Protein backbone atom coordinates (compact mmCIF):
# COMPACT_ATOMS: atom_id res chain seq x y z
CA UNK A 1 24.22 8.69 -25.45
CA UNK A 2 27.61 7.24 -26.30
CA UNK A 3 30.76 9.27 -26.37
CA UNK A 4 34.37 9.80 -25.50
CA UNK A 5 36.86 12.54 -24.68
CA UNK A 6 40.40 13.09 -25.94
CA UNK A 7 43.01 15.60 -24.85
CA UNK A 8 46.35 16.87 -26.11
CA UNK A 9 48.88 19.47 -25.03
CA UNK A 10 49.79 22.10 -27.61
CA UNK A 11 52.89 24.30 -27.46
CA UNK A 12 50.98 27.15 -29.11
CA UNK A 13 48.96 29.66 -27.07
CA UNK A 14 45.23 28.92 -26.80
CA UNK A 15 44.34 31.98 -28.90
CA UNK A 16 46.35 30.59 -31.83
CA UNK A 17 44.52 27.27 -31.65
CA UNK A 18 41.18 29.07 -31.30
CA UNK A 19 41.85 31.07 -34.50
CA UNK A 20 42.17 27.80 -36.46
CA UNK A 21 39.48 25.83 -34.65
CA UNK A 22 36.68 28.40 -34.85
CA UNK A 23 37.13 29.08 -38.58
CA UNK A 24 35.17 26.45 -40.54
CA UNK A 25 36.96 27.39 -43.77
CA UNK A 26 40.12 25.95 -42.17
CA UNK A 27 38.55 22.58 -41.21
CA UNK A 28 40.00 20.78 -44.27
CA UNK A 29 43.50 21.80 -43.13
CA UNK A 30 43.30 19.68 -39.99
CA UNK A 31 40.08 17.64 -39.91
CA UNK A 32 40.85 14.08 -40.93
CA UNK A 33 39.03 13.04 -44.10
CA UNK A 34 37.43 16.39 -44.84
CA UNK A 35 37.68 17.56 -48.43
CA UNK A 36 35.93 20.91 -48.34
CA UNK A 37 33.56 23.21 -46.48
CA UNK A 38 30.98 25.59 -47.89
CA UNK A 39 29.62 28.49 -45.88
CA UNK A 40 25.84 28.71 -45.80
CA UNK A 41 24.06 32.06 -45.72
CA UNK A 42 22.69 31.51 -42.21
CA UNK A 43 26.06 31.17 -40.48
CA UNK A 44 26.15 27.37 -40.62
CA UNK A 45 28.44 25.34 -42.87
CA UNK A 46 28.21 22.26 -45.05
CA UNK A 47 31.04 19.74 -44.78
CA UNK A 48 32.09 17.25 -47.47
CA UNK A 49 34.15 14.23 -46.43
CA UNK A 50 36.58 12.27 -48.64
CA UNK A 51 34.69 9.01 -48.17
CA UNK A 52 31.46 10.50 -49.60
CA UNK A 53 32.54 13.59 -51.58
CA UNK A 54 29.06 14.36 -52.93
CA UNK A 55 27.23 13.91 -49.63
CA UNK A 56 26.57 17.14 -47.75
CA UNK A 57 26.80 17.30 -43.96
CA UNK A 58 25.01 20.43 -42.75
CA UNK A 59 26.78 21.56 -39.61
CA UNK A 60 26.31 24.12 -36.88
CA UNK A 61 29.43 25.78 -35.46
CA UNK A 62 29.09 27.91 -32.33
CA UNK A 63 31.91 29.67 -30.54
CA UNK A 64 32.46 30.90 -27.02
CA UNK A 65 35.67 32.88 -26.64
CA UNK A 66 34.77 33.50 -22.98
CA UNK A 67 35.35 29.87 -21.98
CA UNK A 68 37.37 28.72 -25.00
CA UNK A 69 34.82 26.28 -26.44
CA UNK A 70 33.86 25.58 -30.01
CA UNK A 71 30.80 23.36 -30.48
CA UNK A 72 30.45 21.55 -33.81
CA UNK A 73 27.15 19.74 -34.38
CA UNK A 74 26.26 17.60 -37.39
CA UNK A 75 22.64 18.43 -38.15
CA UNK A 76 22.05 15.04 -39.84
CA UNK A 77 23.47 12.63 -37.30
CA UNK A 78 23.22 14.78 -34.15
CA UNK A 79 26.85 13.95 -33.33
CA UNK A 80 28.20 16.81 -31.24
CA UNK A 81 31.83 17.73 -30.65
CA UNK A 82 32.73 20.21 -27.97
CA UNK A 83 36.30 21.50 -28.21
CA UNK A 84 37.68 23.19 -25.10
CA UNK A 85 40.92 25.16 -24.89
CA UNK A 86 42.63 26.00 -21.62
CA UNK A 87 45.97 27.60 -20.76
CA UNK A 88 48.79 25.20 -19.91
CA UNK A 89 52.40 25.79 -18.89
CA UNK A 90 53.50 24.42 -22.27
CA UNK A 91 50.99 26.54 -24.22
CA UNK A 92 47.45 25.15 -23.94
CA UNK A 93 45.49 21.98 -23.54
CA UNK A 94 43.05 21.00 -26.26
CA UNK A 95 40.22 18.75 -25.14
CA UNK A 96 37.44 17.39 -27.30
CA UNK A 97 34.32 15.69 -26.00
CA UNK A 98 32.19 13.80 -28.54
CA UNK A 99 28.60 12.72 -27.97
CA UNK A 100 26.79 10.32 -30.29
CA UNK A 101 23.08 9.58 -30.03
CA UNK A 102 22.21 5.90 -29.56
CA UNK A 103 21.27 5.62 -33.24
CA UNK A 104 24.87 6.51 -34.16
CA UNK A 105 26.61 4.45 -31.45
CA UNK A 106 27.85 1.99 -34.10
CA UNK A 107 30.12 4.80 -35.38
CA UNK A 108 31.92 5.24 -32.05
CA UNK A 109 35.18 3.57 -33.19
CA UNK A 110 35.29 5.46 -36.48
CA UNK A 111 34.56 8.75 -34.72
CA UNK A 112 37.27 8.11 -32.14
CA UNK A 113 39.81 7.47 -34.93
CA UNK A 114 38.70 10.50 -37.00
CA UNK A 115 38.70 12.88 -34.06
CA UNK A 116 41.97 11.48 -32.67
CA UNK A 117 43.69 12.09 -36.01
CA UNK A 118 42.06 15.52 -36.27
CA UNK A 119 43.15 16.54 -32.77
CA UNK A 120 46.76 15.62 -33.56
CA UNK A 121 46.61 17.53 -36.87
CA UNK A 122 45.07 20.61 -35.20
CA UNK A 123 47.82 20.69 -32.57
CA UNK A 124 50.51 20.24 -35.22
CA UNK A 125 49.09 23.01 -37.41
CA UNK A 126 48.78 25.45 -34.50
CA UNK A 127 52.33 24.74 -33.34
CA UNK A 128 53.72 25.21 -36.86
CA UNK A 129 51.83 28.48 -37.34
CA UNK A 130 52.82 29.80 -33.91
CA UNK A 131 56.42 28.90 -34.69
CA UNK A 132 56.36 31.18 -37.74
CA UNK A 133 55.46 34.09 -35.49
CA UNK A 134 58.15 33.48 -32.88
CA UNK A 135 61.31 35.57 -33.11
CA UNK A 136 64.45 33.58 -33.97
CA UNK A 137 66.10 32.03 -30.95
CA UNK A 138 62.95 31.75 -28.81
């Protein structure tokens, strides 16, 4: 297994980030290179990336509000992302751990770039949305 972990601090509360992160229909708003998502009848989703707009990526998304994790698994490549949210004095920390099977290890650099950009976009989106809900002057 190859992999990496990235972390960012977000000024929004963890629950606000969780609302965005656990909703696959919102993936294109923050996930770098993702064009669209289609919900499948069995609770999984199919992702379509900009680079290959006609190529379907069936994906499993599982959520655990108890410990703040969202696990996103590509059912074709077996690349797994585990997103963990934790309270922080500034709002929350957002950590993502990515595991790639040996057969996908050649994609490590591309995955690190995609997920790094996506993490920054997720934090930015959550902070902007949380800012809309804050009373003026706070």
